[in-house]
């Protein structure tokens, strides 16, 4: 149970870090405001975490 709590804490920290980067660092980049860029920046953390969780679940099955 302790290792699960540590893993969840790591996921929470990475997610929070990505949110901070998106909120405070991305506005300083000179990006054009297009729908594709906005969708990528908003959905990227969720997709990365889904891949990480899926990869971990697949490793536990084998």
N, C-alpha and C. Protein backbone atom coordinates (compact mmCIF):
# COMPACT_ATOMS: atom_id res chain seq x y z
N UNK A 1 0.82 -1.20 0.00
CA UNK A 1 0.00 0.00 0.00
C UNK A 1 0.86 1.26 0.00
N UNK A 2 2.00 1.17 0.66
CA UNK A 2 2.87 2.34 0.74
C UNK A 2 3.42 2.71 -0.64
N UNK A 3 3.77 1.71 -1.46
CA UNK A 3 4.31 2.02 -2.78
C UNK A 3 3.24 2.65 -3.67
N UNK A 4 1.97 2.25 -3.49
CA UNK A 4 0.90 2.88 -4.26
C UNK A 4 0.74 4.34 -3.88
N UNK A 5 0.85 4.64 -2.61
CA UNK A 5 0.73 6.03 -2.16
C UNK A 5 1.88 6.87 -2.71
N UNK A 6 3.07 6.31 -2.75
CA UNK A 6 4.22 7.04 -3.29
C UNK A 6 4.03 7.29 -4.78
N UNK A 7 3.54 6.29 -5.50
CA UNK A 7 3.32 6.45 -6.94
C UNK A 7 2.26 7.52 -7.20
N UNK A 8 1.19 7.50 -6.45
CA UNK A 8 0.14 8.51 -6.62
C UNK A 8 0.69 9.90 -6.30
N UNK A 9 1.53 10.00 -5.30
CA UNK A 9 2.15 11.28 -4.96
C UNK A 9 3.05 11.76 -6.10
N UNK A 10 3.81 10.86 -6.71
CA UNK A 10 4.66 11.23 -7.84
C UNK A 10 3.82 11.73 -9.01
N UNK A 11 2.74 11.04 -9.30
CA UNK A 11 1.85 11.46 -10.40
C UNK A 11 1.26 12.83 -10.09
N UNK A 12 0.87 13.04 -8.86
CA UNK A 12 0.30 14.33 -8.45
C UNK A 12 1.33 15.45 -8.60
N UNK A 13 2.57 15.20 -8.22
CA UNK A 13 3.63 16.21 -8.31
C UNK A 13 3.94 16.53 -9.77
N UNK A 14 4.04 15.51 -10.62
CA UNK A 14 4.32 15.74 -12.04
C UNK A 14 3.17 16.51 -12.68
N UNK A 15 1.95 16.15 -12.36
CA UNK A 15 0.80 16.85 -12.91
C UNK A 15 0.78 18.32 -12.46
N UNK A 16 1.06 18.54 -11.20
CA UNK A 16 1.11 19.91 -10.70
C UNK A 16 2.23 20.71 -11.35
N UNK A 17 3.37 20.06 -11.55
CA UNK A 17 4.49 20.73 -12.21
C UNK A 17 4.16 21.13 -13.64
N UNK A 18 3.51 20.22 -14.36
CA UNK A 18 3.10 20.55 -15.72
C UNK A 18 2.08 21.68 -15.74
N UNK A 19 1.18 21.70 -14.78
CA UNK A 19 0.19 22.77 -14.71
C UNK A 19 0.86 24.12 -14.45
N UNK A 20 1.87 24.12 -13.58
CA UNK A 20 2.60 25.36 -13.29
C UNK A 20 3.35 25.83 -14.53
N UNK A 21 3.98 24.90 -15.24
CA UNK A 21 4.70 25.27 -16.46
C UNK A 21 3.74 25.86 -17.48
N UNK A 22 2.59 25.22 -17.65
CA UNK A 22 1.61 25.73 -18.62
C UNK A 22 1.12 27.12 -18.22
N UNK A 23 0.91 27.32 -16.93
CA UNK A 23 0.35 28.60 -16.49
C UNK A 23 1.37 29.74 -16.50
N UNK A 24 2.61 29.47 -16.08
CA UNK A 24 3.56 30.56 -15.89
C UNK A 24 4.66 30.65 -16.95
N UNK A 25 5.02 29.56 -17.60
CA UNK A 25 6.13 29.60 -18.55
C UNK A 25 5.63 29.78 -19.98
N UNK A 26 4.58 29.09 -20.34
CA UNK A 26 4.08 29.14 -21.72
C UNK A 26 3.69 30.56 -22.15
N UNK A 27 3.12 31.41 -21.30
CA UNK A 27 2.80 32.77 -21.77
C UNK A 27 4.03 33.57 -22.22
N UNK A 28 5.22 33.21 -21.76
CA UNK A 28 6.42 33.93 -22.18
C UNK A 28 6.93 33.46 -23.54
N UNK A 29 6.45 32.32 -24.01
CA UNK A 29 6.83 31.84 -25.33
C UNK A 29 6.01 32.57 -26.39
N UNK A 30 6.64 32.83 -27.51
CA UNK A 30 5.91 33.53 -28.57
C UNK A 30 5.25 32.49 -29.47
N UNK A 31 4.05 32.09 -29.09
CA UNK A 31 3.27 31.13 -29.85
C UNK A 31 2.06 31.83 -30.46
N UNK A 32 1.76 31.45 -31.67
CA UNK A 32 0.54 31.99 -32.26
C UNK A 32 -0.66 31.33 -31.60
N UNK A 33 -1.73 32.05 -31.51
CA UNK A 33 -2.91 31.49 -30.83
C UNK A 33 -3.77 30.72 -31.83
N UNK A 34 -3.50 29.45 -31.92
CA UNK A 34 -4.31 28.61 -32.80
C UNK A 34 -4.97 27.52 -31.96
N UNK A 35 -6.02 26.96 -32.48
CA UNK A 35 -6.76 25.94 -31.76
C UNK A 35 -5.91 24.70 -31.52
N UNK A 36 -5.08 24.32 -32.47
CA UNK A 36 -4.25 23.13 -32.33
C UNK A 36 -3.25 23.27 -31.18
N UNK A 37 -2.64 24.43 -31.06
CA UNK A 37 -1.67 24.66 -29.98
C UNK A 37 -2.38 24.64 -28.63
N UNK A 38 -3.51 25.28 -28.54
CA UNK A 38 -4.25 25.32 -27.27
C UNK A 38 -4.68 23.92 -26.86
N UNK A 39 -5.22 23.15 -27.78
CA UNK A 39 -5.65 21.79 -27.46
C UNK A 39 -4.46 20.92 -27.05
N UNK A 40 -3.35 21.07 -27.72
CA UNK A 40 -2.15 20.31 -27.36
C UNK A 40 -1.70 20.64 -25.95
N UNK A 41 -1.63 21.90 -25.62
CA UNK A 41 -1.16 22.31 -24.29
C UNK A 41 -2.13 21.90 -23.19
N UNK A 42 -3.39 21.91 -23.47
CA UNK A 42 -4.39 21.54 -22.46
C UNK A 42 -4.45 20.03 -22.27
N UNK A 43 -4.39 19.28 -23.35
CA UNK A 43 -4.57 17.83 -23.28
C UNK A 43 -3.28 17.06 -23.03
N UNK A 44 -2.13 17.67 -23.25
CA UNK A 44 -0.85 16.97 -23.11
C UNK A 44 -0.64 16.35 -21.72
N UNK A 45 -0.87 17.07 -20.63
CA UNK A 45 -0.66 16.44 -19.32
C UNK A 45 -1.54 15.20 -19.10
N UNK A 46 -2.78 15.27 -19.51
CA UNK A 46 -3.68 14.13 -19.33
C UNK A 46 -3.23 12.94 -20.18
N UNK A 47 -2.81 13.20 -21.39
CA UNK A 47 -2.36 12.12 -22.27
C UNK A 47 -1.09 11.48 -21.74
N UNK A 48 -0.15 12.29 -21.29
CA UNK A 48 1.10 11.76 -20.75
C UNK A 48 0.82 10.91 -19.51
N UNK A 49 -0.03 11.38 -18.63
CA UNK A 49 -0.35 10.60 -17.43
C UNK A 49 -1.11 9.32 -17.77
N UNK A 50 -1.99 9.37 -18.75
CA UNK A 50 -2.71 8.17 -19.16
C UNK A 50 -1.75 7.13 -19.73
N UNK A 51 -0.77 7.58 -20.50
CA UNK A 51 0.23 6.66 -21.04
C UNK A 51 1.06 6.06 -19.92
N UNK A 52 1.48 6.89 -18.98
CA UNK A 52 2.29 6.39 -17.86
C UNK A 52 1.52 5.39 -17.02
N UNK A 53 0.26 5.69 -16.72
CA UNK A 53 -0.54 4.77 -15.92
C UNK A 53 -0.84 3.48 -16.67
N UNK A 54 -1.12 3.58 -17.96
CA UNK A 54 -1.35 2.39 -18.76
C UNK A 54 -0.12 1.52 -18.86
N UNK A 55 1.04 2.16 -19.00
CA UNK A 55 2.29 1.41 -19.08
C UNK A 55 2.55 0.68 -17.76
N UNK A 56 2.31 1.37 -16.67
CA UNK A 56 2.52 0.74 -15.37
C UNK A 56 1.54 -0.42 -15.14
N UNK A 57 0.30 -0.24 -15.52
CA UNK A 57 -0.69 -1.30 -15.36
C UNK A 57 -0.33 -2.51 -16.21
N UNK A 58 0.18 -2.25 -17.39
CA UNK A 58 0.58 -3.36 -18.28
C UNK A 58 1.77 -4.11 -17.71
N UNK A 59 2.70 -3.40 -17.07
CA UNK A 59 3.86 -4.05 -16.45
C UNK A 59 3.44 -4.90 -15.27
N UNK A 60 2.43 -4.48 -14.52
CA UNK A 60 1.99 -5.24 -13.35
C UNK A 60 1.27 -6.52 -13.76
N UNK A 61 0.66 -6.53 -14.95
CA UNK A 61 -0.04 -7.73 -15.42
C UNK A 61 0.93 -8.83 -15.83
N UNK A 62 2.10 -8.45 -16.33
CA UNK A 62 3.04 -9.48 -16.79
C UNK A 62 4.05 -9.88 -15.76
